[in-house]
All heavy atoms as atom14 arrays in JSON, in Angstrom:
{
  "sequence": "WRTQAVKWTDRNLGIVLASGAGALGVRLGMPLAGASGEIDDRAELGLG",
  "atom14_mask": [
    [1, 1, 1, 1, 1, 1, 1, 1, 1, 1, 1, 1, 1, 1],
    [1, 1, 1, 1, 1, 1, 1, 1, 1, 1, 1, 0, 0, 0],
    [1, 1, 1, 1, 1, 1, 1, 0, 0, 0, 0, 0, 0, 0],
    [1, 1, 1, 1, 1, 1, 1, 1, 1, 0, 0, 0, 0, 0],
    [1, 1, 1, 1, 1, 0, 0, 0, 0, 0, 0, 0, 0, 0],
    [1, 1, 1, 1, 1, 1, 1, 0, 0, 0, 0, 0, 0, 0],
    [1, 1, 1, 1, 1, 1, 1, 1, 1, 0, 0, 0, 0, 0],
    [1, 1, 1, 1, 1, 1, 1, 1, 1, 1, 1, 1, 1, 1],
    [1, 1, 1, 1, 1, 1, 1, 0, 0, 0, 0, 0, 0, 0],
    [1, 1, 1, 1, 1, 1, 1, 1, 0, 0, 0, 0, 0, 0],
    [1, 1, 1, 1, 1, 1, 1, 1, 1, 1, 1, 0, 0, 0],
    [1, 1, 1, 1, 1, 1, 1, 1, 0, 0, 0, 0, 0, 0],
    [1, 1, 1, 1, 1, 1, 1, 1, 0, 0, 0, 0, 0, 0],
    [1, 1, 1, 1, 0, 0, 0, 0, 0, 0, 0, 0, 0, 0],
    [1, 1, 1, 1, 1, 1, 1, 1, 0, 0, 0, 0, 0, 0],
    [1, 1, 1, 1, 1, 1, 1, 0, 0, 0, 0, 0, 0, 0],
    [1, 1, 1, 1, 1, 1, 1, 1, 0, 0, 0, 0, 0, 0],
    [1, 1, 1, 1, 1, 0, 0, 0, 0, 0, 0, 0, 0, 0],
    [1, 1, 1, 1, 1, 1, 0, 0, 0, 0, 0, 0, 0, 0],
    [1, 1, 1, 1, 0, 0, 0, 0, 0, 0, 0, 0, 0, 0],
    [1, 1, 1, 1, 1, 0, 0, 0, 0, 0, 0, 0, 0, 0],
    [1, 1, 1, 1, 0, 0, 0, 0, 0, 0, 0, 0, 0, 0],
    [1, 1, 1, 1, 1, 0, 0, 0, 0, 0, 0, 0, 0, 0],
    [1, 1, 1, 1, 1, 1, 1, 1, 0, 0, 0, 0, 0, 0],
    [1, 1, 1, 1, 0, 0, 0, 0, 0, 0, 0, 0, 0, 0],
    [1, 1, 1, 1, 1, 1, 1, 0, 0, 0, 0, 0, 0, 0],
    [1, 1, 1, 1, 1, 1, 1, 1, 1, 1, 1, 0, 0, 0],
    [1, 1, 1, 1, 1, 1, 1, 1, 0, 0, 0, 0, 0, 0],
    [1, 1, 1, 1, 0, 0, 0, 0, 0, 0, 0, 0, 0, 0],
    [1, 1, 1, 1, 1, 1, 1, 1, 0, 0, 0, 0, 0, 0],
    [1, 1, 1, 1, 1, 1, 1, 0, 0, 0, 0, 0, 0, 0],
    [1, 1, 1, 1, 1, 1, 1, 1, 0, 0, 0, 0, 0, 0],
    [1, 1, 1, 1, 1, 0, 0, 0, 0, 0, 0, 0, 0, 0],
    [1, 1, 1, 1, 0, 0, 0, 0, 0, 0, 0, 0, 0, 0],
    [1, 1, 1, 1, 1, 0, 0, 0, 0, 0, 0, 0, 0, 0],
    [1, 1, 1, 1, 1, 1, 0, 0, 0, 0, 0, 0, 0, 0],
    [1, 1, 1, 1, 0, 0, 0, 0, 0, 0, 0, 0, 0, 0],
    [1, 1, 1, 1, 1, 1, 1, 1, 1, 0, 0, 0, 0, 0],
    [1, 1, 1, 1, 1, 1, 1, 1, 0, 0, 0, 0, 0, 0],
    [1, 1, 1, 1, 1, 1, 1, 1, 0, 0, 0, 0, 0, 0],
    [1, 1, 1, 1, 1, 1, 1, 1, 0, 0, 0, 0, 0, 0],
    [1, 1, 1, 1, 1, 1, 1, 1, 1, 1, 1, 0, 0, 0],
    [1, 1, 1, 1, 1, 0, 0, 0, 0, 0, 0, 0, 0, 0],
    [1, 1, 1, 1, 1, 1, 1, 1, 1, 0, 0, 0, 0, 0],
    [1, 1, 1, 1, 1, 1, 1, 1, 0, 0, 0, 0, 0, 0],
    [1, 1, 1, 1, 0, 0, 0, 0, 0, 0, 0, 0, 0, 0],
    [1, 1, 1, 1, 1, 1, 1, 1, 0, 0, 0, 0, 0, 0],
    [1, 1, 1, 1, 0, 0, 0, 0, 0, 0, 0, 0, 0, 0]
  ],
  "atom14_positions": [
    [[-50.0, 25.71, 26.33], [-51.35, 25.71, 26.9], [-52.31, 26.5, 26.01], [-53.41, 26.04, 25.68], [-51.26, 26.28, 28.31], [-52.54, 26.48, 29.07], [-53.82, 26.29, 28.63], [-52.66, 26.9, 30.43], [-54.72, 26.59, 29.62], [-54.04, 26.96, 30.74], [-51.74, 27.25, 31.41], [-54.51, 27.35, 31.99], [-52.19, 27.64, 32.65], [-53.56, 27.69, 32.94]],
    [[-51.89, 27.68, 25.6], [-52.76, 28.57, 24.84], [-52.96, 28.11, 23.41], [-54.03, 28.33, 22.83], [-52.19, 29.99, 24.85], [-52.18, 30.65, 26.23], [-51.59, 32.05, 26.16], [-52.35, 32.9, 25.26], [-51.99, 34.13, 24.92], [-50.88, 34.66, 25.42], [-52.73, 34.85, 24.11], [0.0, 0.0, 0.0], [0.0, 0.0, 0.0], [0.0, 0.0, 0.0]],
    [[-51.96, 27.48, 22.8], [-52.02, 27.19, 21.37], [-52.3, 25.73, 21.04], [-52.78, 25.43, 19.94], [-50.71, 27.61, 20.68], [-49.62, 26.85, 21.24], [-50.45, 29.1, 20.87], [0.0, 0.0, 0.0], [0.0, 0.0, 0.0], [0.0, 0.0, 0.0], [0.0, 0.0, 0.0], [0.0, 0.0, 0.0], [0.0, 0.0, 0.0], [0.0, 0.0, 0.0]],
    [[-52.0, 24.82, 21.96], [-52.07, 23.39, 21.61], [-53.19, 22.63, 22.32], [-53.66, 21.62, 21.8], [-50.73, 22.71, 21.92], [-49.57, 23.26, 21.11], [-48.24, 22.6, 21.51], [-48.1, 22.05, 22.61], [-47.26, 22.68, 20.62], [0.0, 0.0, 0.0], [0.0, 0.0, 0.0], [0.0, 0.0, 0.0], [0.0, 0.0, 0.0], [0.0, 0.0, 0.0]],
    [[-53.59, 23.09, 23.5], [-54.57, 22.33, 24.29], [-55.88, 22.11, 23.53], [-56.49, 21.04, 23.63], [-54.84, 23.05, 25.61], [0.0, 0.0, 0.0], [0.0, 0.0, 0.0], [0.0, 0.0, 0.0], [0.0, 0.0, 0.0], [0.0, 0.0, 0.0], [0.0, 0.0, 0.0], [0.0, 0.0, 0.0], [0.0, 0.0, 0.0], [0.0, 0.0, 0.0]],
    [[-56.31, 23.11, 22.78], [-57.59, 23.01, 22.07], [-57.56, 21.96, 20.96], [-58.61, 21.52, 20.49], [-58.0, 24.38, 21.47], [-58.25, 25.39, 22.56], [-56.93, 24.88, 20.51], [0.0, 0.0, 0.0], [0.0, 0.0, 0.0], [0.0, 0.0, 0.0], [0.0, 0.0, 0.0], [0.0, 0.0, 0.0], [0.0, 0.0, 0.0], [0.0, 0.0, 0.0]],
    [[-56.36, 21.54, 20.54], [-56.24, 20.56, 19.47], [-56.32, 19.13, 19.99], [-56.47, 18.2, 19.2], [-54.92, 20.76, 18.73], [-54.76, 22.16, 18.11], [-53.4, 22.32, 17.48], [-53.2, 23.73, 16.95], [-51.84, 23.92, 16.38], [0.0, 0.0, 0.0], [0.0, 0.0, 0.0], [0.0, 0.0, 0.0], [0.0, 0.0, 0.0], [0.0, 0.0, 0.0]],
    [[-56.21, 18.96, 21.3], [-56.27, 17.62, 21.89], [-57.71, 17.12, 21.9], [-58.64, 17.91, 22.02], [-55.71, 17.66, 23.3], [-55.34, 16.31, 23.86], [-55.95, 15.65, 24.88], [-54.28, 15.46, 23.42], [-55.34, 14.45, 25.12], [-54.31, 14.3, 24.22], [-53.32, 15.56, 22.41], [-53.41, 13.24, 24.06], [-52.42, 14.52, 22.25], [-52.46, 13.38, 23.06]],
    [[-57.9, 15.82, 21.77], [-59.25, 15.24, 21.71], [-60.07, 15.63, 22.93], [-61.22, 16.08, 22.82], [-59.17, 13.71, 21.59], [-58.39, 13.36, 20.45], [-60.56, 13.11, 21.46], [0.0, 0.0, 0.0], [0.0, 0.0, 0.0], [0.0, 0.0, 0.0], [0.0, 0.0, 0.0], [0.0, 0.0, 0.0], [0.0, 0.0, 0.0], [0.0, 0.0, 0.0]],
    [[-59.5, 15.44, 24.1], [-60.11, 15.9, 25.35], [-59.49, 17.25, 25.68], [-58.39, 17.33, 26.22], [-59.85, 14.89, 26.47], [-60.51, 15.28, 27.79], [-60.91, 16.45, 27.94], [-60.63, 14.42, 28.67], [0.0, 0.0, 0.0], [0.0, 0.0, 0.0], [0.0, 0.0, 0.0], [0.0, 0.0, 0.0], [0.0, 0.0, 0.0], [0.0, 0.0, 0.0]],
    [[-60.2, 18.32, 25.33], [-59.62, 19.65, 25.47], [-59.28, 20.0, 26.91], [-58.32, 20.73, 27.18], [-60.57, 20.7, 24.88], [-60.74, 20.59, 23.37], [-61.55, 21.75, 22.82], [-61.67, 21.66, 21.38], [-62.25, 22.6, 20.63], [-62.78, 23.68, 21.2], [-62.33, 22.45, 19.32], [0.0, 0.0, 0.0], [0.0, 0.0, 0.0], [0.0, 0.0, 0.0]],
    [[-60.08, 19.49, 27.84], [-59.79, 19.77, 29.24], [-58.47, 19.13, 29.66], [-57.6, 19.78, 30.24], [-60.93, 19.27, 30.13], [-62.19, 20.07, 29.95], [-62.13, 21.27, 29.69], [-63.32, 19.42, 30.07], [0.0, 0.0, 0.0], [0.0, 0.0, 0.0], [0.0, 0.0, 0.0], [0.0, 0.0, 0.0], [0.0, 0.0, 0.0], [0.0, 0.0, 0.0]],
    [[-58.32, 17.85, 29.4], [-57.08, 17.17, 29.73], [-55.92, 17.74, 28.92], [-54.77, 17.76, 29.39], [-57.22, 15.67, 29.47], [-56.06, 14.8, 29.93], [-55.81, 14.97, 31.43], [-56.32, 13.34, 29.59], [0.0, 0.0, 0.0], [0.0, 0.0, 0.0], [0.0, 0.0, 0.0], [0.0, 0.0, 0.0], [0.0, 0.0, 0.0], [0.0, 0.0, 0.0]],
    [[-56.21, 18.23, 27.72], [-55.17, 18.84, 26.9], [-54.51, 20.03, 27.57], [-53.32, 20.31, 27.33], [0.0, 0.0, 0.0], [0.0, 0.0, 0.0], [0.0, 0.0, 0.0], [0.0, 0.0, 0.0], [0.0, 0.0, 0.0], [0.0, 0.0, 0.0], [0.0, 0.0, 0.0], [0.0, 0.0, 0.0], [0.0, 0.0, 0.0], [0.0, 0.0, 0.0]],
    [[-55.24, 20.73, 28.44], [-54.67, 21.86, 29.18], [-53.51, 21.4, 30.05], [-52.43, 21.99, 30.07], [-55.75, 22.54, 30.04], [-56.78, 23.22, 29.14], [-55.14, 23.54, 31.01], [-57.99, 23.74, 29.89], [0.0, 0.0, 0.0], [0.0, 0.0, 0.0], [0.0, 0.0, 0.0], [0.0, 0.0, 0.0], [0.0, 0.0, 0.0], [0.0, 0.0, 0.0]],
    [[-53.72, 20.3, 30.79], [-52.69, 19.75, 31.67], [-51.53, 19.19, 30.86], [-50.36, 19.46, 31.17], [-53.29, 18.66, 32.58], [-52.21, 17.91, 33.33], [-54.28, 19.28, 33.55], [0.0, 0.0, 0.0], [0.0, 0.0, 0.0], [0.0, 0.0, 0.0], [0.0, 0.0, 0.0], [0.0, 0.0, 0.0], [0.0, 0.0, 0.0], [0.0, 0.0, 0.0]],
    [[-51.82, 18.42, 29.83], [-50.77, 17.79, 29.04], [-49.94, 18.81, 28.28], [-48.7, 18.7, 28.22], [-51.37, 16.77, 28.07], [-52.11, 15.59, 28.69], [-52.63, 14.65, 27.6], [-51.22, 14.84, 29.65], [0.0, 0.0, 0.0], [0.0, 0.0, 0.0], [0.0, 0.0, 0.0], [0.0, 0.0, 0.0], [0.0, 0.0, 0.0], [0.0, 0.0, 0.0]],
    [[-50.59, 19.8, 27.7], [-49.85, 20.82, 26.95], [-48.96, 21.64, 27.86], [-47.78, 21.9, 27.55], [-50.83, 21.73, 26.2], [0.0, 0.0, 0.0], [0.0, 0.0, 0.0], [0.0, 0.0, 0.0], [0.0, 0.0, 0.0], [0.0, 0.0, 0.0], [0.0, 0.0, 0.0], [0.0, 0.0, 0.0], [0.0, 0.0, 0.0], [0.0, 0.0, 0.0]],
    [[-49.49, 22.04, 29.01], [-48.69, 22.8, 29.95], [-47.53, 21.97, 30.48], [-46.39, 22.45, 30.57], [-49.56, 23.29, 31.12], [-48.78, 23.98, 32.08], [0.0, 0.0, 0.0], [0.0, 0.0, 0.0], [0.0, 0.0, 0.0], [0.0, 0.0, 0.0], [0.0, 0.0, 0.0], [0.0, 0.0, 0.0], [0.0, 0.0, 0.0], [0.0, 0.0, 0.0]],
    [[-47.8, 20.71, 30.83], [-46.74, 19.84, 31.34], [-45.66, 19.6, 30.3], [-44.46, 19.62, 30.62], [0.0, 0.0, 0.0], [0.0, 0.0, 0.0], [0.0, 0.0, 0.0], [0.0, 0.0, 0.0], [0.0, 0.0, 0.0], [0.0, 0.0, 0.0], [0.0, 0.0, 0.0], [0.0, 0.0, 0.0], [0.0, 0.0, 0.0], [0.0, 0.0, 0.0]],
    [[-46.06, 19.38, 29.05], [-45.08, 19.16, 27.98], [-44.22, 20.41, 27.76], [-43.0, 20.32, 27.6], [-45.8, 18.77, 26.69], [0.0, 0.0, 0.0], [0.0, 0.0, 0.0], [0.0, 0.0, 0.0], [0.0, 0.0, 0.0], [0.0, 0.0, 0.0], [0.0, 0.0, 0.0], [0.0, 0.0, 0.0], [0.0, 0.0, 0.0], [0.0, 0.0, 0.0]],
    [[-44.87, 21.58, 27.74], [-44.12, 22.81, 27.57], [-43.18, 23.07, 28.73], [-42.04, 23.53, 28.54], [0.0, 0.0, 0.0], [0.0, 0.0, 0.0], [0.0, 0.0, 0.0], [0.0, 0.0, 0.0], [0.0, 0.0, 0.0], [0.0, 0.0, 0.0], [0.0, 0.0, 0.0], [0.0, 0.0, 0.0], [0.0, 0.0, 0.0], [0.0, 0.0, 0.0]],
    [[-43.64, 22.79, 29.95], [-42.8, 22.98, 31.14], [-41.58, 22.07, 31.12], [-40.51, 22.45, 31.61], [-43.63, 22.74, 32.39], [0.0, 0.0, 0.0], [0.0, 0.0, 0.0], [0.0, 0.0, 0.0], [0.0, 0.0, 0.0], [0.0, 0.0, 0.0], [0.0, 0.0, 0.0], [0.0, 0.0, 0.0], [0.0, 0.0, 0.0], [0.0, 0.0, 0.0]],
    [[-41.73, 20.87, 30.56], [-40.63, 19.91, 30.51], [-39.7, 20.13, 29.32], [-38.55, 19.69, 29.33], [-41.19, 18.48, 30.42], [-41.78, 17.88, 31.69], [-42.52, 16.59, 31.36], [-40.67, 17.6, 32.69], [0.0, 0.0, 0.0], [0.0, 0.0, 0.0], [0.0, 0.0, 0.0], [0.0, 0.0, 0.0], [0.0, 0.0, 0.0], [0.0, 0.0, 0.0]],
    [[-40.22, 20.78, 28.27], [-39.44, 20.92, 27.05], [-39.37, 19.62, 26.27], [-38.35, 19.27, 25.69], [0.0, 0.0, 0.0], [0.0, 0.0, 0.0], [0.0, 0.0, 0.0], [0.0, 0.0, 0.0], [0.0, 0.0, 0.0], [0.0, 0.0, 0.0], [0.0, 0.0, 0.0], [0.0, 0.0, 0.0], [0.0, 0.0, 0.0], [0.0, 0.0, 0.0]],
    [[-40.5, 18.88, 26.26], [-40.56, 17.6, 25.57], [-41.77, 17.59, 24.64], [-42.75, 18.28, 24.88], [-40.67, 16.44, 26.59], [-42.0, 16.5, 27.34], [-40.49, 15.08, 25.92], [0.0, 0.0, 0.0], [0.0, 0.0, 0.0], [0.0, 0.0, 0.0], [0.0, 0.0, 0.0], [0.0, 0.0, 0.0], [0.0, 0.0, 0.0], [0.0, 0.0, 0.0]],
    [[-41.67, 16.79, 23.6], [-42.79, 16.67, 22.64], [-43.62, 15.44, 23.0], [-43.11, 14.32, 23.03], [-42.25, 16.56, 21.22], [-41.52, 17.81, 20.73], [-40.79, 17.55, 19.44], [-41.7, 17.18, 18.37], [-41.33, 16.5, 17.28], [-40.09, 16.09, 17.13], [-42.22, 16.23, 16.34], [0.0, 0.0, 0.0], [0.0, 0.0, 0.0], [0.0, 0.0, 0.0]],
    [[-44.89, 15.68, 23.25], [-45.83, 14.61, 23.53], [-46.88, 14.57, 22.44], [-46.82, 15.33, 21.47], [-46.48, 14.83, 24.91], [-45.54, 14.92, 26.11], [-46.32, 15.18, 27.38], [-44.71, 13.64, 26.24], [0.0, 0.0, 0.0], [0.0, 0.0, 0.0], [0.0, 0.0, 0.0], [0.0, 0.0, 0.0], [0.0, 0.0, 0.0], [0.0, 0.0, 0.0]],
    [[-47.89, 13.7, 22.62], [-48.92, 13.58, 21.59], [-48.33, 12.94, 20.35], [-47.57, 11.99, 20.42], [0.0, 0.0, 0.0], [0.0, 0.0, 0.0], [0.0, 0.0, 0.0], [0.0, 0.0, 0.0], [0.0, 0.0, 0.0], [0.0, 0.0, 0.0], [0.0, 0.0, 0.0], [0.0, 0.0, 0.0], [0.0, 0.0, 0.0], [0.0, 0.0, 0.0]],
    [[-48.69, 13.47, 19.19], [-48.22, 13.02, 17.87], [-48.85, 11.69, 17.47], [-49.21, 10.88, 18.33], [-46.69, 12.95, 17.81], [-46.03, 14.31, 18.02], [-44.25, 14.29, 17.77], [-43.7, 13.38, 19.21], [0.0, 0.0, 0.0], [0.0, 0.0, 0.0], [0.0, 0.0, 0.0], [0.0, 0.0, 0.0], [0.0, 0.0, 0.0], [0.0, 0.0, 0.0]],
    [[-48.99, 11.43, 16.17], [-49.65, 10.21, 15.69], [-48.95, 8.94, 16.16], [-47.73, 8.9, 16.31], [-49.58, 10.35, 14.17], [-49.46, 11.82, 13.94], [-48.65, 12.35, 15.07], [0.0, 0.0, 0.0], [0.0, 0.0, 0.0], [0.0, 0.0, 0.0], [0.0, 0.0, 0.0], [0.0, 0.0, 0.0], [0.0, 0.0, 0.0], [0.0, 0.0, 0.0]],
    [[-49.77, 7.91, 16.38], [-49.26, 6.59, 16.76], [-49.94, 5.54, 15.9], [-51.11, 5.67, 15.55], [-49.57, 6.29, 18.23], [-48.77, 7.03, 19.31], [-49.35, 6.71, 20.67], [-47.3, 6.66, 19.25], [0.0, 0.0, 0.0], [0.0, 0.0, 0.0], [0.0, 0.0, 0.0], [0.0, 0.0, 0.0], [0.0, 0.0, 0.0], [0.0, 0.0, 0.0]],
    [[-49.19, 4.47, 15.59], [-49.77, 3.35, 14.85], [-50.49, 2.44, 15.83], [-49.92, 2.05, 16.86], [-48.68, 2.58, 14.12], [0.0, 0.0, 0.0], [0.0, 0.0, 0.0], [0.0, 0.0, 0.0], [0.0, 0.0, 0.0], [0.0, 0.0, 0.0], [0.0, 0.0, 0.0], [0.0, 0.0, 0.0], [0.0, 0.0, 0.0], [0.0, 0.0, 0.0]],
    [[-51.77, 2.13, 15.55], [-52.53, 1.26, 16.43], [-52.14, -0.2, 16.28], [-51.33, -0.56, 15.41], [0.0, 0.0, 0.0], [0.0, 0.0, 0.0], [0.0, 0.0, 0.0], [0.0, 0.0, 0.0], [0.0, 0.0, 0.0], [0.0, 0.0, 0.0], [0.0, 0.0, 0.0], [0.0, 0.0, 0.0], [0.0, 0.0, 0.0], [0.0, 0.0, 0.0]],
    [[-52.7, -1.06, 17.14], [-52.36, -2.48, 17.13], [-52.72, -3.15, 15.81], [-52.05, -4.07, 15.36], [-53.08, -3.19, 18.29], [0.0, 0.0, 0.0], [0.0, 0.0, 0.0], [0.0, 0.0, 0.0], [0.0, 0.0, 0.0], [0.0, 0.0, 0.0], [0.0, 0.0, 0.0], [0.0, 0.0, 0.0], [0.0, 0.0, 0.0], [0.0, 0.0, 0.0]],
    [[-53.78, -2.68, 15.15], [-54.21, -3.27, 13.88], [-53.66, -2.54, 12.67], [-54.06, -2.8, 11.55], [-55.74, -3.29, 13.82], [-56.27, -1.98, 13.94], [0.0, 0.0, 0.0], [0.0, 0.0, 0.0], [0.0, 0.0, 0.0], [0.0, 0.0, 0.0], [0.0, 0.0, 0.0], [0.0, 0.0, 0.0], [0.0, 0.0, 0.0], [0.0, 0.0, 0.0]],
    [[-52.74, -1.59, 12.92], [-52.1, -0.88, 11.82], [-52.67, 0.47, 11.5], [-52.07, 1.25, 10.75], [0.0, 0.0, 0.0], [0.0, 0.0, 0.0], [0.0, 0.0, 0.0], [0.0, 0.0, 0.0], [0.0, 0.0, 0.0], [0.0, 0.0, 0.0], [0.0, 0.0, 0.0], [0.0, 0.0, 0.0], [0.0, 0.0, 0.0], [0.0, 0.0, 0.0]],
    [[-53.85, 0.81, 12.05], [-54.43, 2.12, 11.77], [-53.67, 3.19, 12.54], [-53.05, 2.93, 13.57], [-55.92, 2.16, 12.15], [-56.21, 2.25, 13.65], [-56.09, 0.94, 14.38], [-55.71, -0.05, 13.71], [-56.36, 0.9, 15.6], [0.0, 0.0, 0.0], [0.0, 0.0, 0.0], [0.0, 0.0, 0.0], [0.0, 0.0, 0.0], [0.0, 0.0, 0.0]],
    [[-53.72, 4.42, 12.05], [-52.98, 5.53, 12.65], [-53.9, 6.32, 13.56], [-54.98, 6.76, 13.16], [-52.4, 6.47, 11.56], [-51.44, 5.69, 10.66], [-51.68, 7.64, 12.22], [-50.24, 5.11, 11.36], [0.0, 0.0, 0.0], [0.0, 0.0, 0.0], [0.0, 0.0, 0.0], [0.0, 0.0, 0.0], [0.0, 0.0, 0.0], [0.0, 0.0, 0.0]],
    [[-53.47, 6.47, 14.82], [-54.17, 7.32, 15.78], [-53.62, 8.74, 15.6], [-52.52, 9.06, 16.05], [-53.93, 6.82, 17.2], [-54.73, 7.6, 18.24], [-55.48, 8.52, 17.85], [-54.6, 7.3, 19.44], [0.0, 0.0, 0.0], [0.0, 0.0, 0.0], [0.0, 0.0, 0.0], [0.0, 0.0, 0.0], [0.0, 0.0, 0.0], [0.0, 0.0, 0.0]],
    [[-54.39, 9.57, 14.92], [-53.92, 10.91, 14.53], [-54.05, 11.88, 15.7], [-55.0, 12.65, 15.79], [-54.72, 11.41, 13.33], [-54.11, 12.67, 12.72], [-52.93, 12.94, 13.0], [-54.83, 13.39, 11.99], [0.0, 0.0, 0.0], [0.0, 0.0, 0.0], [0.0, 0.0, 0.0], [0.0, 0.0, 0.0], [0.0, 0.0, 0.0], [0.0, 0.0, 0.0]],
    [[-53.08, 11.86, 16.59], [-53.11, 12.69, 17.79], [-52.36, 13.99, 17.53], [-51.37, 14.03, 16.81], [-52.47, 11.95, 18.96], [-53.04, 10.55, 19.15], [-52.45, 9.82, 20.34], [-51.05, 10.09, 20.55], [-50.47, 10.13, 21.75], [-51.19, 9.93, 22.83], [-49.18, 10.36, 21.87], [0.0, 0.0, 0.0], [0.0, 0.0, 0.0], [0.0, 0.0, 0.0]],
    [[-52.83, 15.06, 18.13], [-52.19, 16.36, 17.98], [-50.84, 16.36, 18.7], [-50.6, 15.58, 19.62], [-53.08, 17.46, 18.55], [0.0, 0.0, 0.0], [0.0, 0.0, 0.0], [0.0, 0.0, 0.0], [0.0, 0.0, 0.0], [0.0, 0.0, 0.0], [0.0, 0.0, 0.0], [0.0, 0.0, 0.0], [0.0, 0.0, 0.0], [0.0, 0.0, 0.0]],
    [[-49.95, 17.24, 18.26], [-48.65, 17.38, 18.92], [-48.75, 18.36, 20.08], [-49.37, 19.42, 19.97], [-47.6, 17.87, 17.92], [-46.21, 17.99, 18.54], [-45.15, 18.35, 17.51], [-45.35, 18.05, 16.31], [-44.11, 18.92, 17.9], [0.0, 0.0, 0.0], [0.0, 0.0, 0.0], [0.0, 0.0, 0.0], [0.0, 0.0, 0.0], [0.0, 0.0, 0.0]],
    [[-48.16, 17.98, 21.2], [-48.14, 18.83, 22.38], [-46.69, 19.07, 22.79], [-45.86, 18.18, 22.7], [-48.88, 18.16, 23.54], [-50.35, 17.81, 23.33], [-50.88, 17.03, 24.53], [-51.19, 19.06, 23.1], [0.0, 0.0, 0.0], [0.0, 0.0, 0.0], [0.0, 0.0, 0.0], [0.0, 0.0, 0.0], [0.0, 0.0, 0.0], [0.0, 0.0, 0.0]],
    [[-46.41, 20.27, 23.27], [-45.08, 20.56, 23.79], [-44.12, 21.04, 22.73], [-44.43, 21.12, 21.54], [0.0, 0.0, 0.0], [0.0, 0.0, 0.0], [0.0, 0.0, 0.0], [0.0, 0.0, 0.0], [0.0, 0.0, 0.0], [0.0, 0.0, 0.0], [0.0, 0.0, 0.0], [0.0, 0.0, 0.0], [0.0, 0.0, 0.0], [0.0, 0.0, 0.0]],
    [[-42.91, 21.35, 23.18], [-41.84, 21.82, 22.33], [-40.54, 21.14, 22.76], [-40.4, 20.74, 23.91], [-41.65, 23.34, 22.46], [-42.86, 24.22, 22.14], [-42.6, 25.65, 22.62], [-43.14, 24.22, 20.64], [0.0, 0.0, 0.0], [0.0, 0.0, 0.0], [0.0, 0.0, 0.0], [0.0, 0.0, 0.0], [0.0, 0.0, 0.0], [0.0, 0.0, 0.0]],
    [[-39.61, 21.02, 21.84], [-38.3, 20.53, 22.24], [-37.99, 19.14, 21.73], [-38.27, 18.8, 20.58], [0.0, 0.0, 0.0], [0.0, 0.0, 0.0], [0.0, 0.0, 0.0], [0.0, 0.0, 0.0], [0.0, 0.0, 0.0], [0.0, 0.0, 0.0], [0.0, 0.0, 0.0], [0.0, 0.0, 0.0], [0.0, 0.0, 0.0], [0.0, 0.0, 0.0]]
  ]
}
């Protein structure tokens, strides 16, 4: 929550996602390849 939420595009929603990912011990976020091949450069959330 303290270190990763601010890196999310929507910083407010990043608070919930970062805390939830840390609570679960799972890695969320991270880059994804779009439908047309471009890379959606998303921040990494969570640990584990």
